[in-house]
Amino acid sequence: MKSLRVLLPLALLSLATAAFAQSPSDAQKSFDSLKTLGGEWEGLVTVNPPMPGMTGDNANLHVSMRVTSRGHAIVHELQEAGTPLDPKKYDHPVTMLYLNGDQLNLVHYCDAGNRPHMVARKSEDGKTVEFDLVDISGGTEYGHMHHGIFTLVDADHHIEDWTYMMPGDKPVHAHFDLHRAK
């Protein structure tokens, strides 16, 4: 009987702990989904309206995504396909994605010289992660990245839609249709 008095409170405590255990946050679920995109991606970019200095619609694009910092961050780097990693000659914008508490954050280190900070919305379908601008560091005289959407189609296909705000608040939309490079 004495052992029952000891075991019963322990069993109730275990059940209570399990009942109050939290499932992963929406931000954590979205971050985990984006981690599956680690690897090399290639595809076409469509820009509307076309931007000066861009190669235009259906340009080949290469995106590298790498999970780093023991799983706490994702590095997203894009470049025109076929260009070497030569920082003296080519720009390769870098985007970092990371969790801060229950927020999934994105900071884009732009070749326009600024760093837009965005936060993800809750993903209703678990396949789309949408980021909205929160604040920006650096000047915006050349424009800035304003919005981003990652859509996971399957393990070897994802879509990225980016909105770049030109001076005068003129949006330019870029659509990346990417397939995992084999």
N, C-alpha and C. Protein backbone atom coordinates (compact mmCIF):
# COMPACT_ATOMS: atom_id res chain seq x y z
N MET A 1 0.81 -1.18 0.00
CA MET A 1 0.00 0.00 0.00
C MET A 1 0.86 1.25 0.00
N LYS A 2 1.99 1.20 0.75
CA LYS A 2 2.88 2.34 0.81
C LYS A 2 3.47 2.63 -0.57
N SER A 3 3.82 1.58 -1.31
CA SER A 3 4.40 1.78 -2.65
C SER A 3 3.36 2.37 -3.59
N LEU A 4 2.08 2.05 -3.41
CA LEU A 4 1.02 2.62 -4.23
C LEU A 4 0.90 4.12 -3.98
N ARG A 5 1.08 4.55 -2.72
CA ARG A 5 1.02 5.98 -2.40
C ARG A 5 2.17 6.74 -3.05
N VAL A 6 3.29 6.11 -3.26
CA VAL A 6 4.43 6.75 -3.90
C VAL A 6 4.27 6.73 -5.42
N LEU A 7 3.83 5.60 -5.96
CA LEU A 7 3.72 5.46 -7.41
C LEU A 7 2.57 6.27 -8.01
N LEU A 8 1.46 6.38 -7.29
CA LEU A 8 0.31 7.10 -7.82
C LEU A 8 0.63 8.58 -8.09
N PRO A 9 1.23 9.32 -7.16
CA PRO A 9 1.57 10.71 -7.47
C PRO A 9 2.57 10.83 -8.63
N LEU A 10 3.52 9.89 -8.71
CA LEU A 10 4.48 9.92 -9.83
C LEU A 10 3.78 9.68 -11.16
N ALA A 11 2.85 8.76 -11.18
CA ALA A 11 2.11 8.47 -12.40
C ALA A 11 1.26 9.68 -12.81
N LEU A 12 0.61 10.32 -11.84
CA LEU A 12 -0.20 11.51 -12.13
C LEU A 12 0.67 12.66 -12.62
N LEU A 13 1.85 12.82 -12.04
CA LEU A 13 2.78 13.87 -12.46
C LEU A 13 3.24 13.61 -13.90
N SER A 14 3.51 12.39 -14.23
CA SER A 14 3.93 12.04 -15.59
C SER A 14 2.82 12.34 -16.59
N LEU A 15 1.59 12.00 -16.25
CA LEU A 15 0.46 12.27 -17.13
C LEU A 15 0.24 13.78 -17.30
N ALA A 16 0.38 14.52 -16.22
CA ALA A 16 0.20 15.97 -16.29
C ALA A 16 1.28 16.61 -17.15
N THR A 17 2.51 16.14 -16.99
CA THR A 17 3.60 16.66 -17.79
C THR A 17 3.36 16.38 -19.27
N ALA A 18 2.92 15.19 -19.59
CA ALA A 18 2.64 14.84 -20.99
C ALA A 18 1.49 15.67 -21.54
N ALA A 19 0.49 15.94 -20.73
CA ALA A 19 -0.67 16.71 -21.18
C ALA A 19 -0.30 18.15 -21.47
N PHE A 20 0.65 18.72 -20.69
CA PHE A 20 1.03 20.11 -20.88
C PHE A 20 2.25 20.28 -21.78
N ALA A 21 2.82 19.20 -22.25
CA ALA A 21 3.98 19.31 -23.15
C ALA A 21 3.54 20.01 -24.43
N GLN A 22 4.34 20.95 -24.85
CA GLN A 22 3.98 21.72 -26.04
C GLN A 22 4.50 21.03 -27.29
N SER A 23 3.68 21.11 -28.32
CA SER A 23 4.13 20.63 -29.61
C SER A 23 5.01 21.73 -30.20
N PRO A 24 5.77 21.40 -31.23
CA PRO A 24 6.62 22.44 -31.84
C PRO A 24 5.78 23.62 -32.31
N SER A 25 6.32 24.81 -32.18
CA SER A 25 5.61 26.01 -32.61
C SER A 25 5.48 26.01 -34.13
N ASP A 26 4.58 26.86 -34.63
CA ASP A 26 4.42 27.00 -36.08
C ASP A 26 5.73 27.45 -36.71
N ALA A 27 6.45 28.35 -36.03
CA ALA A 27 7.73 28.82 -36.55
C ALA A 27 8.72 27.68 -36.64
N GLN A 28 8.76 26.81 -35.63
CA GLN A 28 9.68 25.67 -35.64
C GLN A 28 9.32 24.71 -36.77
N LYS A 29 8.03 24.46 -36.97
CA LYS A 29 7.59 23.57 -38.06
C LYS A 29 8.01 24.15 -39.42
N SER A 30 7.82 25.45 -39.61
CA SER A 30 8.22 26.08 -40.87
C SER A 30 9.73 26.01 -41.06
N PHE A 31 10.47 26.27 -39.99
CA PHE A 31 11.93 26.22 -40.06
C PHE A 31 12.39 24.81 -40.41
N ASP A 32 11.79 23.81 -39.78
CA ASP A 32 12.15 22.42 -40.08
C ASP A 32 11.84 22.07 -41.54
N SER A 33 10.73 22.59 -42.06
CA SER A 33 10.40 22.37 -43.48
C SER A 33 11.46 22.99 -44.38
N LEU A 34 11.87 24.21 -44.06
CA LEU A 34 12.88 24.88 -44.88
C LEU A 34 14.23 24.19 -44.81
N LYS A 35 14.54 23.56 -43.69
CA LYS A 35 15.80 22.83 -43.57
C LYS A 35 15.89 21.68 -44.59
N THR A 36 14.76 21.14 -44.99
CA THR A 36 14.78 20.04 -45.97
C THR A 36 15.26 20.52 -47.34
N LEU A 37 15.33 21.84 -47.53
CA LEU A 37 15.79 22.40 -48.80
C LEU A 37 17.31 22.51 -48.87
N GLY A 38 18.01 22.03 -47.85
CA GLY A 38 19.47 22.07 -47.88
C GLY A 38 19.98 21.36 -49.12
N GLY A 39 20.86 22.04 -49.86
CA GLY A 39 21.43 21.47 -51.08
C GLY A 39 21.56 22.51 -52.17
N GLU A 40 21.80 22.03 -53.37
CA GLU A 40 22.00 22.90 -54.54
C GLU A 40 20.75 22.84 -55.43
N TRP A 41 20.33 24.00 -55.91
CA TRP A 41 19.11 24.14 -56.69
C TRP A 41 19.39 24.93 -57.97
N GLU A 42 18.72 24.56 -59.05
CA GLU A 42 18.84 25.30 -60.30
C GLU A 42 17.47 25.45 -60.92
N GLY A 43 17.31 26.54 -61.64
CA GLY A 43 16.03 26.76 -62.31
C GLY A 43 16.00 28.10 -63.00
N LEU A 44 14.81 28.48 -63.37
CA LEU A 44 14.62 29.72 -64.11
C LEU A 44 14.03 30.79 -63.21
N VAL A 45 14.41 32.03 -63.50
CA VAL A 45 13.85 33.18 -62.80
C VAL A 45 13.07 34.01 -63.81
N THR A 46 11.89 34.43 -63.42
CA THR A 46 11.07 35.34 -64.22
C THR A 46 10.90 36.61 -63.40
N VAL A 47 11.19 37.76 -64.01
CA VAL A 47 11.13 39.04 -63.32
C VAL A 47 10.07 39.90 -63.99
N ASN A 48 9.18 40.50 -63.16
CA ASN A 48 8.11 41.31 -63.70
C ASN A 48 7.92 42.57 -62.85
N PRO A 49 8.06 43.77 -63.39
CA PRO A 49 8.62 44.06 -64.71
C PRO A 49 10.13 43.84 -64.68
N PRO A 50 10.75 43.67 -65.85
CA PRO A 50 12.20 43.44 -65.90
C PRO A 50 12.96 44.60 -65.24
N MET A 51 14.04 44.26 -64.54
CA MET A 51 14.86 45.26 -63.86
C MET A 51 16.11 45.55 -64.67
N PRO A 52 16.58 46.80 -64.65
CA PRO A 52 17.85 47.11 -65.32
C PRO A 52 18.98 46.27 -64.73
N GLY A 53 19.82 45.73 -65.58
CA GLY A 53 20.95 44.93 -65.12
C GLY A 53 20.63 43.47 -64.92
N MET A 54 19.36 43.09 -64.97
CA MET A 54 19.00 41.68 -64.86
C MET A 54 19.02 41.07 -66.25
N THR A 55 19.27 39.79 -66.32
CA THR A 55 19.35 39.14 -67.62
C THR A 55 17.98 38.90 -68.23
N GLY A 56 16.91 39.17 -67.49
CA GLY A 56 15.58 39.04 -68.07
C GLY A 56 14.89 37.75 -67.70
N ASP A 57 13.73 37.53 -68.34
CA ASP A 57 12.93 36.34 -68.07
C ASP A 57 13.68 35.08 -68.46
N ASN A 58 13.38 34.03 -67.73
CA ASN A 58 13.92 32.70 -67.99
C ASN A 58 15.44 32.63 -67.90
N ALA A 59 16.03 33.51 -67.10
CA ALA A 59 17.46 33.43 -66.84
C ALA A 59 17.71 32.24 -65.93
N ASN A 60 18.83 31.58 -66.14
CA ASN A 60 19.20 30.46 -65.27
C ASN A 60 19.71 30.98 -63.94
N LEU A 61 19.31 30.31 -62.89
CA LEU A 61 19.66 30.73 -61.54
C LEU A 61 20.16 29.52 -60.77
N HIS A 62 21.12 29.74 -59.90
CA HIS A 62 21.62 28.71 -59.00
C HIS A 62 21.42 29.19 -57.57
N VAL A 63 20.83 28.37 -56.73
CA VAL A 63 20.62 28.68 -55.32
C VAL A 63 21.26 27.57 -54.49
N SER A 64 22.03 28.00 -53.53
CA SER A 64 22.63 27.07 -52.57
C SER A 64 21.99 27.33 -51.22
N MET A 65 21.51 26.25 -50.59
CA MET A 65 20.95 26.37 -49.24
C MET A 65 21.69 25.39 -48.33
N ARG A 66 22.17 25.93 -47.21
CA ARG A 66 22.96 25.11 -46.31
C ARG A 66 22.49 25.32 -44.88
N VAL A 67 22.22 24.23 -44.20
CA VAL A 67 21.89 24.28 -42.77
C VAL A 67 23.22 24.37 -42.03
N THR A 68 23.32 25.33 -41.11
CA THR A 68 24.58 25.58 -40.42
C THR A 68 24.33 25.87 -38.95
N SER A 69 25.39 26.14 -38.22
CA SER A 69 25.32 26.47 -36.79
C SER A 69 24.56 25.40 -36.00
N ARG A 70 24.93 24.15 -36.28
CA ARG A 70 24.32 22.99 -35.60
C ARG A 70 22.81 22.97 -35.72
N GLY A 71 22.33 23.37 -36.92
CA GLY A 71 20.90 23.31 -37.19
C GLY A 71 20.12 24.54 -36.79
N HIS A 72 20.82 25.60 -36.35
CA HIS A 72 20.13 26.79 -35.87
C HIS A 72 19.97 27.89 -36.92
N ALA A 73 20.57 27.70 -38.10
CA ALA A 73 20.46 28.72 -39.14
C ALA A 73 20.51 28.05 -40.51
N ILE A 74 19.96 28.74 -41.49
CA ILE A 74 20.03 28.32 -42.89
C ILE A 74 20.65 29.46 -43.67
N VAL A 75 21.66 29.14 -44.48
CA VAL A 75 22.29 30.11 -45.37
C VAL A 75 21.72 29.87 -46.77
N HIS A 76 21.20 30.92 -47.38
CA HIS A 76 20.62 30.88 -48.73
C HIS A 76 21.45 31.83 -49.59
N GLU A 77 22.11 31.30 -50.61
CA GLU A 77 22.92 32.14 -51.48
C GLU A 77 22.49 31.92 -52.91
N LEU A 78 22.30 33.02 -53.64
CA LEU A 78 21.89 32.85 -55.04
C LEU A 78 22.91 33.49 -55.96
N GLN A 79 22.96 32.94 -57.16
CA GLN A 79 23.85 33.46 -58.20
C GLN A 79 23.31 33.05 -59.56
N GLU A 80 23.73 33.79 -60.56
CA GLU A 80 23.37 33.38 -61.91
C GLU A 80 24.10 32.08 -62.20
N ALA A 81 23.40 31.13 -62.79
CA ALA A 81 24.00 29.82 -63.08
C ALA A 81 25.21 30.02 -63.99
N GLY A 82 26.26 29.28 -63.71
CA GLY A 82 27.44 29.32 -64.54
C GLY A 82 28.44 30.39 -64.15
N THR A 83 28.12 31.25 -63.19
CA THR A 83 29.09 32.25 -62.74
C THR A 83 29.88 31.70 -61.57
N PRO A 84 31.19 31.95 -61.56
CA PRO A 84 31.99 31.44 -60.44
C PRO A 84 31.76 32.24 -59.17
N LEU A 85 32.14 31.66 -58.05
CA LEU A 85 32.07 32.38 -56.78
C LEU A 85 33.27 33.32 -56.70
N ASP A 86 33.16 34.45 -57.38
CA ASP A 86 34.22 35.45 -57.44
C ASP A 86 33.65 36.77 -56.94
N PRO A 87 33.86 37.10 -55.65
CA PRO A 87 33.24 38.30 -55.09
C PRO A 87 33.74 39.60 -55.70
N LYS A 88 34.88 39.57 -56.40
CA LYS A 88 35.39 40.78 -57.04
C LYS A 88 34.64 41.10 -58.33
N LYS A 89 33.97 40.09 -58.89
CA LYS A 89 33.32 40.26 -60.18
C LYS A 89 31.80 40.09 -60.12
N TYR A 90 31.32 39.20 -59.26
CA TYR A 90 29.90 38.86 -59.24
C TYR A 90 29.30 39.08 -57.85
N ASP A 91 28.06 39.52 -57.84
CA ASP A 91 27.32 39.63 -56.59
C ASP A 91 26.58 38.33 -56.32
N HIS A 92 26.61 37.89 -55.10
CA HIS A 92 25.89 36.70 -54.68
C HIS A 92 25.17 37.02 -53.38
N PRO A 93 23.97 37.60 -53.46
CA PRO A 93 23.24 37.96 -52.24
C PRO A 93 23.06 36.75 -51.32
N VAL A 94 23.17 37.01 -50.04
CA VAL A 94 23.04 35.97 -49.02
C VAL A 94 21.85 36.30 -48.13
N THR A 95 21.08 35.28 -47.81
CA THR A 95 19.95 35.40 -46.89
C THR A 95 20.15 34.40 -45.77
N MET A 96 19.93 34.85 -44.54
CA MET A 96 20.03 33.98 -43.37
C MET A 96 18.64 33.81 -42.79
N LEU A 97 18.31 32.57 -42.44
CA LEU A 97 17.03 32.25 -41.80
C LEU A 97 17.34 31.61 -40.46
N TYR A 98 16.61 32.04 -39.42
CA TYR A 98 16.87 31.52 -38.08
C TYR A 98 15.64 31.73 -37.20
N LEU A 99 15.58 30.95 -36.13
CA LEU A 99 14.52 31.10 -35.14
C LEU A 99 14.99 32.03 -34.03
N ASN A 100 14.08 32.86 -33.57
CA ASN A 100 14.30 33.68 -32.37
C ASN A 100 13.05 33.51 -31.53
N GLY A 101 13.11 32.63 -30.57
CA GLY A 101 11.92 32.29 -29.79
C GLY A 101 10.90 31.62 -30.70
N ASP A 102 9.71 32.16 -30.74
CA ASP A 102 8.65 31.61 -31.59
C ASP A 102 8.49 32.38 -32.89
N GLN A 103 9.57 33.02 -33.35
CA GLN A 103 9.53 33.74 -34.62
C GLN A 103 10.58 33.18 -35.56
N LEU A 104 10.16 32.94 -36.80
CA LEU A 104 11.10 32.55 -37.85
C LEU A 104 11.50 33.83 -38.56
N ASN A 105 12.78 34.14 -38.51
CA ASN A 105 13.33 35.39 -39.04
C ASN A 105 14.12 35.15 -40.31
N LEU A 106 14.17 36.17 -41.15
CA LEU A 106 14.95 36.17 -42.37
C LEU A 106 15.65 37.52 -42.45
N VAL A 107 16.96 37.50 -42.68
CA VAL A 107 17.71 38.73 -42.95
C VAL A 107 18.38 38.54 -44.30
N HIS A 108 18.10 39.46 -45.21
CA HIS A 108 18.65 39.41 -46.57
C HIS A 108 19.79 40.42 -46.67
N TYR A 109 21.00 39.93 -46.94
CA TYR A 109 22.16 40.79 -47.11
C TYR A 109 22.24 41.11 -48.59
N CYS A 110 21.69 42.26 -48.95
CA CYS A 110 21.40 42.60 -50.34
C CYS A 110 22.58 43.28 -51.02
N ASP A 111 22.69 43.05 -52.32
CA ASP A 111 23.71 43.74 -53.09
C ASP A 111 23.37 45.22 -53.26
N ALA A 112 22.19 45.66 -52.81
CA ALA A 112 21.84 47.09 -52.78
C ALA A 112 22.42 47.77 -51.54
N GLY A 113 23.12 47.00 -50.69
CA GLY A 113 23.79 47.57 -49.53
C GLY A 113 22.95 47.68 -48.28
N ASN A 114 21.83 46.99 -48.22
CA ASN A 114 21.00 47.05 -47.02
C ASN A 114 20.68 45.65 -46.53
N ARG A 115 20.02 45.57 -45.38
CA ARG A 115 19.70 44.30 -44.76
C ARG A 115 18.26 44.30 -44.28
N PRO A 116 17.32 43.95 -45.16
CA PRO A 116 15.93 43.82 -44.75
C PRO A 116 15.75 42.65 -43.78
N HIS A 117 14.96 42.88 -42.75
CA HIS A 117 14.63 41.85 -41.76
C HIS A 117 13.14 41.53 -41.92
N MET A 118 12.84 40.26 -42.10
CA MET A 118 11.47 39.82 -42.28
C MET A 118 11.13 38.74 -41.27
N VAL A 119 9.85 38.58 -41.00
CA VAL A 119 9.36 37.55 -40.08
C VAL A 119 8.29 36.74 -40.80
N ALA A 120 8.31 35.42 -40.57
CA ALA A 120 7.37 34.52 -41.25
C ALA A 120 5.98 34.58 -40.62
N ARG A 121 5.00 34.42 -41.48
CA ARG A 121 3.61 34.25 -41.03
C ARG A 121 3.38 32.77 -40.74
N LYS A 122 2.32 32.48 -40.05
CA LYS A 122 1.92 31.09 -39.82
C LYS A 122 1.56 30.46 -41.16
N SER A 123 2.07 29.26 -41.39
CA SER A 123 1.78 28.53 -42.62
C SER A 123 0.55 27.66 -42.42
N GLU A 124 -0.50 27.96 -43.15
CA GLU A 124 -1.74 27.20 -43.01
C GLU A 124 -1.61 25.79 -43.60
N ASP A 125 -0.86 25.67 -44.70
CA ASP A 125 -0.78 24.38 -45.38
C ASP A 125 0.50 23.61 -45.06
N GLY A 126 1.46 24.23 -44.37
CA GLY A 126 2.71 23.56 -44.04
C GLY A 126 3.68 23.47 -45.21
N LYS A 127 3.27 23.94 -46.38
CA LYS A 127 4.13 23.88 -47.56
C LYS A 127 4.58 25.26 -48.03
N THR A 128 3.97 26.30 -47.48
CA THR A 128 4.29 27.67 -47.87
C THR A 128 4.76 28.44 -46.64
N VAL A 129 5.91 29.12 -46.78
CA VAL A 129 6.41 29.96 -45.71
C VAL A 129 6.54 31.37 -46.30
N GLU A 130 5.77 32.30 -45.73
CA GLU A 130 5.70 33.66 -46.26
C GLU A 130 6.31 34.63 -45.25
N PHE A 131 7.17 35.52 -45.76
CA PHE A 131 7.89 36.47 -44.92
C PHE A 131 7.47 37.90 -45.25
N ASP A 132 7.22 38.69 -44.19
CA ASP A 132 6.85 40.09 -44.33
C ASP A 132 7.93 40.97 -43.71
N LEU A 133 8.19 42.11 -44.35
CA LEU A 133 9.20 43.05 -43.88
C LEU A 133 8.81 43.61 -42.51
N VAL A 134 9.80 43.64 -41.60
CA VAL A 134 9.62 44.21 -40.27
C VAL A 134 10.40 45.52 -40.16
N ASP A 135 11.68 45.46 -40.55
CA ASP A 135 12.52 46.65 -40.52
C ASP A 135 13.68 46.45 -41.48
N ILE A 136 14.47 47.51 -41.64
CA ILE A 136 15.57 47.44 -42.58
C ILE A 136 16.74 48.26 -42.06
N SER A 137 17.94 47.72 -42.19
CA SER A 137 19.17 48.43 -41.85
C SER A 137 19.85 48.83 -43.14
N GLY A 138 20.44 50.00 -43.15
CA GLY A 138 21.12 50.47 -44.35
C GLY A 138 20.19 51.30 -45.21
N GLY A 139 20.77 51.95 -46.20
CA GLY A 139 20.01 52.85 -47.06
C GLY A 139 19.11 52.11 -48.03
N THR A 140 18.07 52.81 -48.45
CA THR A 140 17.11 52.23 -49.40
C THR A 140 17.07 53.01 -50.71
N GLU A 141 18.08 53.85 -50.96
CA GLU A 141 18.06 54.66 -52.17
C GLU A 141 18.09 53.82 -53.45
N TYR A 142 18.56 52.58 -53.38
CA TYR A 142 18.55 51.68 -54.55
C TYR A 142 17.43 50.66 -54.47
N GLY A 143 16.58 50.79 -53.47
CA GLY A 143 15.50 49.83 -53.28
C GLY A 143 15.86 48.82 -52.21
N HIS A 144 14.94 47.88 -51.98
CA HIS A 144 15.17 46.86 -50.95
C HIS A 144 14.23 45.67 -51.16
N MET A 145 14.66 44.52 -50.67
CA MET A 145 13.82 43.33 -50.66
C MET A 145 12.70 43.57 -49.66
N HIS A 146 11.48 43.24 -50.06
CA HIS A 146 10.33 43.62 -49.25
C HIS A 146 9.48 42.43 -48.76
N HIS A 147 9.51 41.33 -49.50
CA HIS A 147 8.61 40.22 -49.20
C HIS A 147 9.19 38.96 -49.83
N GLY A 148 8.97 37.82 -49.20
CA GLY A 148 9.44 36.55 -49.76
C GLY A 148 8.50 35.41 -49.43
N ILE A 149 8.38 34.48 -50.36
CA ILE A 149 7.55 33.29 -50.15
C ILE A 149 8.33 32.07 -50.65
N PHE A 150 8.43 31.06 -49.81
CA PHE A 150 9.00 29.77 -50.18
C PHE A 150 7.84 28.78 -50.26
N THR A 151 7.71 28.09 -51.38
CA THR A 151 6.67 27.08 -51.54
C THR A 151 7.35 25.75 -51.81
N LEU A 152 7.15 24.78 -50.92
CA LEU A 152 7.73 23.46 -51.07
C LEU A 152 6.78 22.60 -51.88
N VAL A 153 7.18 22.26 -53.09
CA VAL A 153 6.34 21.45 -53.97
C VAL A 153 6.55 19.98 -53.65
N ASP A 154 7.79 19.54 -53.65
CA ASP A 154 8.15 18.19 -53.23
C ASP A 154 9.63 18.20 -52.86
N ALA A 155 10.21 17.04 -52.57
CA ALA A 155 11.59 16.98 -52.09
C ALA A 155 12.60 17.53 -53.09
N ASP A 156 12.25 17.54 -54.38
CA ASP A 156 13.19 17.99 -55.41
C ASP A 156 12.72 19.22 -56.17
N HIS A 157 11.73 19.92 -55.65
CA HIS A 157 11.18 21.08 -56.36
C HIS A 157 10.63 22.07 -55.35
N HIS A 158 11.08 23.31 -55.45
CA HIS A 158 10.46 24.37 -54.65
C HIS A 158 10.44 25.66 -55.46
N ILE A 159 9.59 26.58 -55.02
CA ILE A 159 9.40 27.85 -55.70
C ILE A 159 9.69 28.95 -54.69
N GLU A 160 10.36 29.98 -55.16
CA GLU A 160 10.58 31.17 -54.34
C GLU A 160 10.00 32.36 -55.09
N ASP A 161 9.23 33.17 -54.39
CA ASP A 161 8.69 34.40 -54.95
C ASP A 161 9.17 35.54 -54.07
N TRP A 162 9.85 36.49 -54.69
CA TRP A 162 10.42 37.62 -53.97
C TRP A 162 9.86 38.92 -54.54
N THR A 163 9.62 39.88 -53.66
CA THR A 163 9.21 41.22 -54.08
C THR A 163 10.30 42.19 -53.66
N TYR A 164 10.84 42.88 -54.65
CA TYR A 164 11.85 43.91 -54.44
C TYR A 164 11.18 45.25 -54.65
N MET A 165 11.33 46.15 -53.70
CA MET A 165 10.71 47.46 -53.80
C MET A 165 11.73 48.45 -54.34
N MET A 166 11.50 48.92 -55.57
CA MET A 166 12.38 49.90 -56.20
C MET A 166 12.14 51.28 -55.56
N PRO A 167 13.07 52.22 -55.77
CA PRO A 167 12.82 53.58 -55.27
C PRO A 167 11.47 54.09 -55.78
N GLY A 168 10.77 54.80 -54.92
CA GLY A 168 9.43 55.26 -55.27
C GLY A 168 8.37 54.21 -55.00
N ASP A 169 8.73 53.17 -54.25
CA ASP A 169 7.81 52.08 -53.89
C ASP A 169 7.19 51.41 -55.11
N LYS A 170 8.02 51.11 -56.11
CA LYS A 170 7.59 50.38 -57.30
C LYS A 170 8.01 48.92 -57.13
N PRO A 171 7.05 48.00 -56.97
CA PRO A 171 7.41 46.60 -56.74
C PRO A 171 7.88 45.90 -58.01
N VAL A 172 8.88 45.04 -57.83
CA VAL A 172 9.36 44.15 -58.88
C VAL A 172 9.25 42.74 -58.31
N HIS A 173 8.61 41.85 -59.03
CA HIS A 173 8.40 40.48 -58.57
C HIS A 173 9.35 39.53 -59.31
N ALA A 174 10.01 38.68 -58.54
CA ALA A 174 10.88 37.65 -59.11
C ALA A 174 10.34 36.29 -58.69
N HIS A 175 10.19 35.42 -59.66
CA HIS A 175 9.66 34.07 -59.45
C HIS A 175 10.76 33.08 -59.81
N PHE A 176 11.21 32.29 -58.81
CA PHE A 176 12.24 31.27 -59.03
C PHE A 176 11.58 29.91 -59.02
N ASP A 177 11.70 29.18 -60.10
CA ASP A 177 11.17 27.81 -60.17
C ASP A 177 12.38 26.89 -60.13
N LEU A 178 12.65 26.30 -58.96
CA LEU A 178 13.90 25.61 -58.71
C LEU A 178 13.73 24.11 -58.54
N HIS A 179 14.69 23.38 -59.11
CA HIS A 179 14.74 21.92 -58.99
C HIS A 179 16.10 21.54 -58.39
N ARG A 180 16.08 20.53 -57.56
CA ARG A 180 17.31 20.08 -56.92
C ARG A 180 18.32 19.65 -57.98
N ALA A 181 19.53 20.18 -57.88
CA ALA A 181 20.59 19.82 -58.83
C ALA A 181 21.07 18.42 -58.49
N LYS A 182 21.19 17.60 -59.48
CA LYS A 182 21.61 16.20 -59.24
C LYS A 182 23.11 16.08 -59.31
